[in-house]
């Protein structure tokens, strides 16, 4: 799941999913976004940053805080993406189901 963004008068669909990638002491989560259709080769154009507001046994509450667009091309896995970031004021808050391992 990625949050759709309202760009002026048009809502832009953000294709991807969100999932927990690591859990430490059952308190902290790292969240990773990847395109739903991505396997090994894909193009990354946009990244979203979420703030974790609360975690419970059943839900994780996230707030969308910024949106980033990639600049240029990353040719090697050792290269870093150059990003243009835009902070989102009063970002939407969403709840997702807590993933049990």
PDB file of N, CA and C in Angstrom:
ATOM      1  N   UNK A   1       0.844  -1.164   0.000  1.00  0.00           N
ATOM      2  CA  UNK A   1       0.000   0.000   0.000  1.00  0.00           C
ATOM      3  C   UNK A   1       0.885   1.220   0.000  1.00  0.00           C
ATOM      4  N   UNK A   2       0.620   2.121  -0.886  1.00  0.00           N
ATOM      5  CA  UNK A   2       1.230   3.435  -0.842  1.00  0.00           C
ATOM      6  C   UNK A   2       0.110   4.447  -0.892  1.00  0.00           C
ATOM      7  N   UNK A   3       0.301   5.567  -0.271  1.00  0.00           N
ATOM      8  CA  UNK A   3      -0.740   6.582  -0.170  1.00  0.00           C
ATOM      9  C   UNK A   3      -0.842   7.348  -1.479  1.00  0.00           C
ATOM     10  N   UNK A   4      -2.057   7.422  -2.064  1.00  0.00           N
ATOM     11  CA  UNK A   4      -2.259   8.248  -3.241  1.00  0.00           C
ATOM     12  C   UNK A   4      -2.068   9.707  -2.862  1.00  0.00           C
ATOM     13  N   UNK A   5      -1.501  10.502  -3.776  1.00  0.00           N
ATOM     14  CA  UNK A   5      -1.244  11.908  -3.504  1.00  0.00           C
ATOM     15  C   UNK A   5      -2.151  12.782  -4.342  1.00  0.00           C
ATOM     16  N   UNK A   6      -2.631  13.871  -3.746  1.00  0.00           N
ATOM     17  CA  UNK A   6      -3.468  14.829  -4.453  1.00  0.00           C
ATOM     18  C   UNK A   6      -2.550  15.916  -4.984  1.00  0.00           C
ATOM     19  N   UNK A   7      -2.415  16.016  -6.302  1.00  0.00           N
ATOM     20  CA  UNK A   7      -1.499  16.947  -6.952  1.00  0.00           C
ATOM     21  C   UNK A   7      -2.313  18.033  -7.642  1.00  0.00           C
ATOM     22  N   UNK A   8      -2.623  19.111  -6.932  1.00  0.00           N
ATOM     23  CA  UNK A   8      -3.455  20.157  -7.509  1.00  0.00           C
ATOM     24  C   UNK A   8      -4.887  19.696  -7.604  1.00  0.00           C
ATOM     25  N   UNK A   9      -5.348  19.400  -8.807  1.00  0.00           N
ATOM     26  CA  UNK A   9      -6.715  18.936  -9.012  1.00  0.00           C
ATOM     27  C   UNK A   9      -6.784  17.455  -9.359  1.00  0.00           C
ATOM     28  N   UNK A  10      -5.639  16.793  -9.398  1.00  0.00           N
ATOM     29  CA  UNK A  10      -5.583  15.391  -9.827  1.00  0.00           C
ATOM     30  C   UNK A  10      -5.031  14.528  -8.694  1.00  0.00           C
ATOM     31  N   UNK A  11      -5.682  13.388  -8.438  1.00  0.00           N
ATOM     32  CA  UNK A  11      -5.157  12.427  -7.475  1.00  0.00           C
ATOM     33  C   UNK A  11      -4.259  11.448  -8.217  1.00  0.00           C
ATOM     34  N   UNK A  12      -2.971  11.371  -7.805  1.00  0.00           N
ATOM     35  CA  UNK A  12      -2.014  10.483  -8.456  1.00  0.00           C
ATOM     36  C   UNK A  12      -1.967   9.162  -7.714  1.00  0.00           C
ATOM     37  N   UNK A  13      -2.132   8.065  -8.451  1.00  0.00           N
ATOM     38  CA  UNK A  13      -2.065   6.724  -7.860  1.00  0.00           C
ATOM     39  C   UNK A  13      -0.612   6.366  -7.593  1.00  0.00           C
ATOM     40  N   UNK A  14      -0.346   5.828  -6.413  1.00  0.00           N
ATOM     41  CA  UNK A  14       0.989   5.382  -6.039  1.00  0.00           C
ATOM     42  C   UNK A  14       0.942   3.859  -5.959  1.00  0.00           C
ATOM     43  N   UNK A  15       1.582   3.188  -6.900  1.00  0.00           N
ATOM     44  CA  UNK A  15       1.530   1.731  -6.956  1.00  0.00           C
ATOM     45  C   UNK A  15       2.665   1.146  -6.134  1.00  0.00           C
ATOM     46  N   UNK A  16       2.331   0.320  -5.168  1.00  0.00           N
ATOM     47  CA  UNK A  16       3.344  -0.314  -4.337  1.00  0.00           C
ATOM     48  C   UNK A  16       2.712  -0.957  -3.129  1.00  0.00           C
ATOM     49  N   UNK A  17       3.532  -1.393  -2.200  1.00  0.00           N
ATOM     50  CA  UNK A  17       3.022  -2.003  -0.983  1.00  0.00           C
ATOM     51  C   UNK A  17       3.928  -1.634   0.179  1.00  0.00           C
ATOM     52  N   UNK A  18       3.418  -1.779   1.364  1.00  0.00           N
ATOM     53  CA  UNK A  18       4.181  -1.471   2.564  1.00  0.00           C
ATOM     54  C   UNK A  18       4.165  -2.713   3.457  1.00  0.00           C
ATOM     55  N   UNK A  19       5.289  -3.037   4.061  1.00  0.00           N
ATOM     56  CA  UNK A  19       5.339  -4.206   4.935  1.00  0.00           C
ATOM     57  C   UNK A  19       6.461  -4.019   5.951  1.00  0.00           C
ATOM     58  N   UNK A  20       6.378  -4.716   7.053  1.00  0.00           N
ATOM     59  CA  UNK A  20       7.455  -4.621   8.048  1.00  0.00           C
ATOM     60  C   UNK A  20       8.610  -5.501   7.593  1.00  0.00           C
ATOM     61  N   UNK A  21       9.813  -4.953   7.666  1.00  0.00           N
ATOM     62  CA  UNK A  21      10.972  -5.712   7.206  1.00  0.00           C
ATOM     63  C   UNK A  21      11.795  -6.262   8.364  1.00  0.00           C
ATOM     64  N   UNK A  22      11.635  -5.674   9.559  1.00  0.00           N
ATOM     65  CA  UNK A  22      12.410  -6.130  10.705  1.00  0.00           C
ATOM     66  C   UNK A  22      11.678  -5.711  11.985  1.00  0.00           C
ATOM     67  N   UNK A  23      11.797  -6.523  13.012  1.00  0.00           N
ATOM     68  CA  UNK A  23      11.187  -6.173  14.287  1.00  0.00           C
ATOM     69  C   UNK A  23      12.227  -6.413  15.376  1.00  0.00           C
ATOM     70  N   UNK A  24      12.516  -5.372  16.173  1.00  0.00           N
ATOM     71  CA  UNK A  24      13.499  -5.475  17.249  1.00  0.00           C
ATOM     72  C   UNK A  24      12.790  -5.378  18.591  1.00  0.00           C
ATOM     73  N   UNK A  25      12.985  -6.342  19.444  1.00  0.00           N
ATOM     74  CA  UNK A  25      12.390  -6.353  20.783  1.00  0.00           C
ATOM     75  C   UNK A  25      10.879  -6.187  20.748  1.00  0.00           C
ATOM     76  N   UNK A  26      10.280  -6.514  19.621  1.00  0.00           N
ATOM     77  CA  UNK A  26       8.830  -6.405  19.424  1.00  0.00           C
ATOM     78  C   UNK A  26       8.309  -4.995  19.699  1.00  0.00           C
ATOM     79  N   UNK A  27       9.161  -3.970  19.496  1.00  0.00           N
ATOM     80  CA  UNK A  27       8.722  -2.586  19.709  1.00  0.00           C
ATOM     81  C   UNK A  27       8.974  -1.698  18.498  1.00  0.00           C
ATOM     82  N   UNK A  28      10.052  -1.920  17.757  1.00  0.00           N
ATOM     83  CA  UNK A  28      10.407  -1.048  16.639  1.00  0.00           C
ATOM     84  C   UNK A  28      10.236  -1.764  15.309  1.00  0.00           C
ATOM     85  N   UNK A  29       9.781  -1.008  14.311  1.00  0.00           N
ATOM     86  CA  UNK A  29       9.577  -1.566  12.983  1.00  0.00           C
ATOM     87  C   UNK A  29      10.334  -0.749  11.949  1.00  0.00           C
ATOM     88  N   UNK A  30      10.925  -1.399  10.976  1.00  0.00           N
ATOM     89  CA  UNK A  30      11.429  -0.742   9.776  1.00  0.00           C
ATOM     90  C   UNK A  30      10.423  -1.027   8.679  1.00  0.00           C
ATOM     91  N   UNK A  31      10.025   0.001   7.973  1.00  0.00           N
ATOM     92  CA  UNK A  31       9.031  -0.150   6.916  1.00  0.00           C
ATOM     93  C   UNK A  31       9.719   0.032   5.572  1.00  0.00           C
ATOM     94  N   UNK A  32       9.468  -0.855   4.649  1.00  0.00           N
ATOM     95  CA  UNK A  32      10.072  -0.808   3.325  1.00  0.00           C
ATOM     96  C   UNK A  32       8.974  -0.746   2.280  1.00  0.00           C
ATOM     97  N   UNK A  33       9.160   0.109   1.287  1.00  0.00           N
ATOM     98  CA  UNK A  33       8.219   0.202   0.175  1.00  0.00           C
ATOM     99  C   UNK A  33       8.869  -0.380  -1.064  1.00  0.00           C
ATOM    100  N   UNK A  34       8.116  -1.138  -1.818  1.00  0.00           N
ATOM    101  CA  UNK A  34       8.604  -1.595  -3.118  1.00  0.00           C
ATOM    102  C   UNK A  34       7.410  -1.727  -4.039  1.00  0.00           C
ATOM    103  N   UNK A  35       7.669  -1.569  -5.288  1.00  0.00           N
ATOM    104  CA  UNK A  35       6.584  -1.697  -6.263  1.00  0.00           C
ATOM    105  C   UNK A  35       6.035  -3.115  -6.236  1.00  0.00           C
ATOM    106  N   UNK A  36       4.707  -3.245  -6.360  1.00  0.00           N
ATOM    107  CA  UNK A  36       4.053  -4.549  -6.307  1.00  0.00           C
ATOM    108  C   UNK A  36       4.590  -5.473  -7.397  1.00  0.00           C
ATOM    109  N   UNK A  37       4.835  -4.913  -8.589  1.00  0.00           N
ATOM    110  CA  UNK A  37       5.238  -5.731  -9.730  1.00  0.00           C
ATOM    111  C   UNK A  37       6.752  -5.960  -9.784  1.00  0.00           C
ATOM    112  N   UNK A  38       7.528  -5.348  -8.880  1.00  0.00           N
ATOM    113  CA  UNK A  38       8.990  -5.445  -8.948  1.00  0.00           C
ATOM    114  C   UNK A  38       9.469  -6.837  -8.550  1.00  0.00           C
ATOM    115  N   UNK A  39      10.375  -7.361  -9.308  1.00  0.00           N
ATOM    116  CA  UNK A  39      11.011  -8.624  -8.972  1.00  0.00           C
ATOM    117  C   UNK A  39      12.506  -8.361  -8.761  1.00  0.00           C
ATOM    118  N   UNK A  40      13.269  -8.221  -9.837  1.00  0.00           N
ATOM    119  CA  UNK A  40      14.689  -7.917  -9.700  1.00  0.00           C
ATOM    120  C   UNK A  40      15.074  -6.637 -10.422  1.00  0.00           C
ATOM    121  N   UNK A  41      14.392  -6.312 -11.509  1.00  0.00           N
ATOM    122  CA  UNK A  41      14.691  -5.095 -12.262  1.00  0.00           C
ATOM    123  C   UNK A  41      13.456  -4.216 -12.252  1.00  0.00           C
ATOM    124  N   UNK A  42      13.617  -2.984 -11.812  1.00  0.00           N
ATOM    125  CA  UNK A  42      12.491  -2.056 -11.777  1.00  0.00           C
ATOM    126  C   UNK A  42      13.020  -0.634 -11.793  1.00  0.00           C
ATOM    127  N   UNK A  43      12.147   0.311 -12.062  1.00  0.00           N
ATOM    128  CA  UNK A  43      12.497   1.730 -12.047  1.00  0.00           C
ATOM    129  C   UNK A  43      11.822   2.376 -10.849  1.00  0.00           C
ATOM    130  N   UNK A  44      12.593   3.117 -10.089  1.00  0.00           N
ATOM    131  CA  UNK A  44      12.078   3.810  -8.916  1.00  0.00           C
ATOM    132  C   UNK A  44      12.041   5.302  -9.222  1.00  0.00           C
ATOM    133  N   UNK A  45      10.851   5.879  -9.173  1.00  0.00           N
ATOM    134  CA  UNK A  45      10.688   7.291  -9.486  1.00  0.00           C
ATOM    135  C   UNK A  45      10.296   8.115  -8.268  1.00  0.00           C
ATOM    136  N   UNK A  46       9.645   7.498  -7.291  1.00  0.00           N
ATOM    137  CA  UNK A  46       9.083   8.253  -6.183  1.00  0.00           C
ATOM    138  C   UNK A  46       9.180   7.450  -4.889  1.00  0.00           C
ATOM    139  N   UNK A  47       9.462   8.150  -3.786  1.00  0.00           N
ATOM    140  CA  UNK A  47       9.594   7.531  -2.470  1.00  0.00           C
ATOM    141  C   UNK A  47       8.752   8.331  -1.491  1.00  0.00           C
ATOM    142  N   UNK A  48       8.101   7.647  -0.570  1.00  0.00           N
ATOM    143  CA  UNK A  48       7.310   8.319   0.455  1.00  0.00           C
ATOM    144  C   UNK A  48       7.864   7.970   1.832  1.00  0.00           C
ATOM    145  N   UNK A  49       7.845   8.955   2.741  1.00  0.00           N
ATOM    146  CA  UNK A  49       8.307   8.756   4.111  1.00  0.00           C
ATOM    147  C   UNK A  49       7.120   8.835   5.052  1.00  0.00           C
ATOM    148  N   UNK A  50       6.990   7.835   5.917  1.00  0.00           N
ATOM    149  CA  UNK A  50       5.902   7.780   6.890  1.00  0.00           C
ATOM    150  C   UNK A  50       6.468   7.884   8.299  1.00  0.00           C
ATOM    151  N   UNK A  51       5.722   8.512   9.191  1.00  0.00           N
ATOM    152  CA  UNK A  51       6.046   8.534  10.613  1.00  0.00           C
ATOM    153  C   UNK A  51       5.153   7.514  11.307  1.00  0.00           C
ATOM    154  N   UNK A  52       5.756   6.641  12.103  1.00  0.00           N
ATOM    155  CA  UNK A  52       4.974   5.671  12.864  1.00  0.00           C
ATOM    156  C   UNK A  52       4.480   6.376  14.121  1.00  0.00           C
ATOM    157  N   UNK A  53       3.163   6.576  14.215  1.00  0.00           N
ATOM    158  CA  UNK A  53       2.571   7.286  15.346  1.00  0.00           C
ATOM    159  C   UNK A  53       2.322   6.373  16.535  1.00  0.00           C
ATOM    160  N   UNK A  54       1.912   5.136  16.246  1.00  0.00           N
ATOM    161  CA  UNK A  54       1.533   4.225  17.328  1.00  0.00           C
ATOM    162  C   UNK A  54       1.547   2.796  16.806  1.00  0.00           C
ATOM    163  N   UNK A  55       1.967   1.877  17.656  1.00  0.00           N
ATOM    164  CA  UNK A  55       1.855   0.456  17.324  1.00  0.00           C
ATOM    165  C   UNK A  55       1.127  -0.236  18.462  1.00  0.00           C
ATOM    166  N   UNK A  56       0.200  -1.107  18.103  1.00  0.00           N
ATOM    167  CA  UNK A  56      -0.507  -1.920  19.088  1.00  0.00           C
ATOM    168  C   UNK A  56      -0.396  -3.369  18.645  1.00  0.00           C
ATOM    169  N   UNK A  57      -1.056  -4.251  19.358  1.00  0.00           N
ATOM    170  CA  UNK A  57      -1.038  -5.669  18.988  1.00  0.00           C
ATOM    171  C   UNK A  57      -1.711  -5.916  17.642  1.00  0.00           C
ATOM    172  N   UNK A  58      -2.636  -5.051  17.253  1.00  0.00           N
ATOM    173  CA  UNK A  58      -3.409  -5.306  16.035  1.00  0.00           C
ATOM    174  C   UNK A  58      -3.224  -4.270  14.938  1.00  0.00           C
ATOM    175  N   UNK A  59      -2.757  -3.069  15.246  1.00  0.00           N
ATOM    176  CA  UNK A  59      -2.683  -1.994  14.256  1.00  0.00           C
ATOM    177  C   UNK A  59      -1.368  -1.228  14.352  1.00  0.00           C
ATOM    178  N   UNK A  60      -0.989  -0.630  13.228  1.00  0.00           N
ATOM    179  CA  UNK A  60       0.100   0.335  13.167  1.00  0.00           C
ATOM    180  C   UNK A  60      -0.480   1.601  12.554  1.00  0.00           C
ATOM    181  N   UNK A  61      -0.330   2.746  13.238  1.00  0.00           N
ATOM    182  CA  UNK A  61      -0.823   4.028  12.725  1.00  0.00           C
ATOM    183  C   UNK A  61       0.339   4.777  12.094  1.00  0.00           C
ATOM    184  N   UNK A  62       0.177   5.146  10.815  1.00  0.00           N
ATOM    185  CA  UNK A  62       1.210   5.841  10.054  1.00  0.00           C
ATOM    186  C   UNK A  62       0.709   7.192   9.583  1.00  0.00           C
ATOM    187  N   UNK A  63       1.640   8.153   9.500  1.00  0.00           N
ATOM    188  CA  UNK A  63       1.316   9.472   8.971  1.00  0.00           C
ATOM    189  C   UNK A  63       2.271   9.765   7.822  1.00  0.00           C
ATOM    190  N   UNK A  64       1.732  10.167   6.675  1.00  0.00           N
ATOM    191  CA  UNK A  64       2.540  10.539   5.518  1.00  0.00           C
ATOM    192  C   UNK A  64       3.185  11.889   5.801  1.00  0.00           C
ATOM    193  N   UNK A  65       4.540  11.962   5.776  1.00  0.00           N
ATOM    194  CA  UNK A  65       5.219  13.204   6.135  1.00  0.00           C
ATOM    195  C   UNK A  65       5.986  13.850   4.989  1.00  0.00           C
ATOM    196  N   UNK A  66       6.456  13.066   4.010  1.00  0.00           N
ATOM    197  CA  UNK A  66       7.117  13.690   2.861  1.00  0.00           C
ATOM    198  C   UNK A  66       7.098  12.771   1.658  1.00  0.00           C
ATOM    199  N   UNK A  67       7.276  13.403   0.516  1.00  0.00           N
ATOM    200  CA  UNK A  67       7.232  12.730  -0.772  1.00  0.00           C
ATOM    201  C   UNK A  67       8.510  13.097  -1.515  1.00  0.00           C
ATOM    202  N   UNK A  68       9.187  12.123  -2.091  1.00  0.00           N
ATOM    203  CA  UNK A  68      10.438  12.394  -2.798  1.00  0.00           C
ATOM    204  C   UNK A  68      10.414  11.864  -4.213  1.00  0.00           C
ATOM    205  N   UNK A  69      11.040  12.618  -5.114  1.00  0.00           N
ATOM    206  CA  UNK A  69      11.142  12.225  -6.520  1.00  0.00           C
ATOM    207  C   UNK A  69      12.622  12.028  -6.831  1.00  0.00           C
ATOM    208  N   UNK A  70      12.956  10.943  -7.520  1.00  0.00           N
ATOM    209  CA  UNK A  70      14.352  10.670  -7.854  1.00  0.00           C
ATOM    210  C   UNK A  70      14.830  11.617  -8.948  1.00  0.00           C
ATOM    211  N   UNK A  71      16.131  11.943  -8.890  1.00  0.00           N
ATOM    212  CA  UNK A  71      16.766  12.787  -9.905  1.00  0.00           C
ATOM    213  C   UNK A  71      17.856  11.952 -10.558  1.00  0.00           C
ATOM    214  N   UNK A  72      17.817  11.844 -11.869  1.00  0.00           N
ATOM    215  CA  UNK A  72      18.841  11.084 -12.573  1.00  0.00           C
ATOM    216  C   UNK A  72      18.603   9.588 -12.494  1.00  0.00           C
ATOM    217  N   UNK A  73      19.663   8.829 -12.784  1.00  0.00           N
ATOM    218  CA  UNK A  73      19.581   7.373 -12.854  1.00  0.00           C
ATOM    219  C   UNK A  73      20.613   6.750 -11.932  1.00  0.00           C
ATOM    220  N   UNK A  74      20.231   5.681 -11.281  1.00  0.00           N
ATOM    221  CA  UNK A  74      21.154   4.905 -10.450  1.00  0.00           C
ATOM    222  C   UNK A  74      21.575   3.699 -11.280  1.00  0.00           C
ATOM    223  N   UNK A  75      22.869   3.617 -11.598  1.00  0.00           N
ATOM    224  CA  UNK A  75      23.349   2.543 -12.470  1.00  0.00           C
ATOM    225  C   UNK A  75      23.965   1.382 -11.709  1.00  0.00           C
ATOM    226  N   UNK A  76      24.381   1.613 -10.489  1.00  0.00           N
ATOM    227  CA  UNK A  76      25.014   0.570  -9.689  1.00  0.00           C
ATOM    228  C   UNK A  76      24.305   0.471  -8.348  1.00  0.00           C
ATOM    229  N   UNK A  77      24.288  -0.705  -7.752  1.00  0.00           N
ATOM    230  CA  UNK A  77      23.659  -0.855  -6.443  1.00  0.00           C
ATOM    231  C   UNK A  77      24.404  -0.069  -5.375  1.00  0.00           C
ATOM    232  N   UNK A  78      25.642   0.341  -5.669  1.00  0.00           N
ATOM    233  CA  UNK A  78      26.431   1.107  -4.708  1.00  0.00           C
ATOM    234  C   UNK A  78      26.178   2.606  -4.809  1.00  0.00           C
ATOM    235  N   UNK A  79      25.487   3.045  -5.863  1.00  0.00           N
ATOM    236  CA  UNK A  79      25.150   4.462  -6.025  1.00  0.00           C
ATOM    237  C   UNK A  79      23.970   4.821  -5.137  1.00  0.00           C
ATOM    238  N   UNK A  80      23.940   6.070  -4.680  1.00  0.00           N
ATOM    239  CA  UNK A  80      22.801   6.573  -3.931  1.00  0.00           C
ATOM    240  C   UNK A  80      21.889   7.345  -4.875  1.00  0.00           C
ATOM    241  N   UNK A  81      20.588   7.291  -4.611  1.00  0.00           N
ATOM    242  CA  UNK A  81      19.653   8.104  -5.372  1.00  0.00           C
ATOM    243  C   UNK A  81      19.777   9.556  -4.937  1.00  0.00           C
ATOM    244  N   UNK A  82      19.746  10.465  -5.910  1.00  0.00           N
ATOM    245  CA  UNK A  82      19.563  11.874  -5.589  1.00  0.00           C
ATOM    246  C   UNK A  82      18.067  12.098  -5.552  1.00  0.00           C
ATOM    247  N   UNK A  83      17.597  12.781  -4.508  1.00  0.00           N
ATOM    248  CA  UNK A  83      16.156  12.951  -4.311  1.00  0.00           C
ATOM    249  C   UNK A  83      15.800  14.421  -4.165  1.00  0.00           C
ATOM    250  N   UNK A  84      14.640  14.791  -4.681  1.00  0.00           N
ATOM    251  CA  UNK A  84      14.035  16.097  -4.422  1.00  0.00           C
ATOM    252  C   UNK A  84      12.863  15.831  -3.487  1.00  0.00           C
ATOM    253  N   UNK A  85      12.930  16.348  -2.253  1.00  0.00           N
ATOM    254  CA  UNK A  85      11.927  16.054  -1.232  1.00  0.00           C
ATOM    255  C   UNK A  85      10.934  17.189  -1.079  1.00  0.00           C
ATOM    256  N   UNK A  86       9.696  16.840  -0.796  1.00  0.00           N
ATOM    257  CA  UNK A  86       8.628  17.798  -0.525  1.00  0.00           C
ATOM    258  C   UNK A  86       7.952  17.376   0.775  1.00  0.00           C
ATOM    259  N   UNK A  87       7.998  18.262   1.790  1.00  0.00           N
ATOM    260  CA  UNK A  87       7.313  17.961   3.054  1.00  0.00           C
ATOM    261  C   UNK A  87       5.813  18.103   2.871  1.00  0.00           C
ATOM    262  N   UNK A  88       5.057  17.247   3.525  1.00  0.00           N
ATOM    263  CA  UNK A  88       3.597  17.264   3.417  1.00  0.00           C
ATOM    264  C   UNK A  88       3.027  17.730   4.750  1.00  0.00           C
ATOM    265  N   UNK A  89       2.413  18.905   4.730  1.00  0.00           N
ATOM    266  CA  UNK A  89       1.797  19.457   5.936  1.00  0.00           C
ATOM    267  C   UNK A  89       0.458  18.765   6.171  1.00  0.00           C
ATOM    268  N   UNK A  90       0.157  18.450   7.408  1.00  0.00           N
ATOM    269  CA  UNK A  90      -1.107  17.803   7.771  1.00  0.00           C
ATOM    270  C   UNK A  90      -1.356  16.541   6.945  1.00  0.00           C
ATOM    271  N   UNK A  91      -0.344  15.683   6.858  1.00  0.00           N
ATOM    272  CA  UNK A  91      -0.470  14.443   6.094  1.00  0.00           C
ATOM    273  C   UNK A  91      -1.530  13.520   6.663  1.00  0.00           C
ATOM    274  N   UNK A  92      -2.107  12.704   5.798  1.00  0.00           N
ATOM    275  CA  UNK A  92      -3.136  11.754   6.211  1.00  0.00           C
ATOM    276  C   UNK A  92      -2.568  10.729   7.188  1.00  0.00           C
ATOM    277  N   UNK A  93      -3.406  10.278   8.101  1.00  0.00           N
ATOM    278  CA  UNK A  93      -3.050   9.219   9.048  1.00  0.00           C
ATOM    279  C   UNK A  93      -3.844   7.975   8.672  1.00  0.00           C
ATOM    280  N   UNK A  94      -3.151   6.852   8.516  1.00  0.00           N
ATOM    281  CA  UNK A  94      -3.796   5.595   8.148  1.00  0.00           C
ATOM    282  C   UNK A  94      -3.435   4.517   9.148  1.00  0.00           C
ATOM    283  N   UNK A  95      -4.318   3.532   9.298  1.00  0.00           N
ATOM    284  CA  UNK A  95      -4.047   2.362  10.125  1.00  0.00           C
ATOM    285  C   UNK A  95      -3.892   1.152   9.223  1.00  0.00           C
ATOM    286  N   UNK A  96      -2.886   0.337   9.502  1.00  0.00           N
ATOM    287  CA  UNK A  96      -2.722  -0.920   8.777  1.00  0.00           C
ATOM    288  C   UNK A  96      -2.680  -2.042   9.803  1.00  0.00           C
ATOM    289  N   UNK A  97      -2.992  -3.243   9.352  1.00  0.00           N
ATOM    290  CA  UNK A  97      -2.957  -4.399  10.247  1.00  0.00           C
ATOM    291  C   UNK A  97      -1.523  -4.698  10.645  1.00  0.00           C
ATOM    292  N   UNK A  98      -1.308  -4.972  11.921  1.00  0.00           N
ATOM    293  CA  UNK A  98       0.001  -5.336  12.441  1.00  0.00           C
ATOM    294  C   UNK A  98       0.351  -6.725  11.918  1.00  0.00           C
ATOM    295  N   UNK A  99       1.521  -6.862  11.337  1.00  0.00           N
ATOM    296  CA  UNK A  99       1.932  -8.121  10.727  1.00  0.00           C
ATOM    297  C   UNK A  99       2.613  -8.987  11.778  1.00  0.00           C
ATOM    298  N   UNK A 100       2.091 -10.162  11.987  1.00  0.00           N
ATOM    299  CA  UNK A 100       2.669 -11.106  12.953  1.00  0.00           C
ATOM    300  C   UNK A 100       3.630 -12.028  12.230  1.00  0.00           C
ATOM    301  N   UNK A 101       4.754 -12.324  12.866  1.00  0.00           N
ATOM    302  CA  UNK A 101       5.742 -13.217  12.263  1.00  0.00           C
ATOM    303  C   UNK A 101       5.506 -14.624  12.729  1.00  0.00           C
TER     304      UNK A 101
END
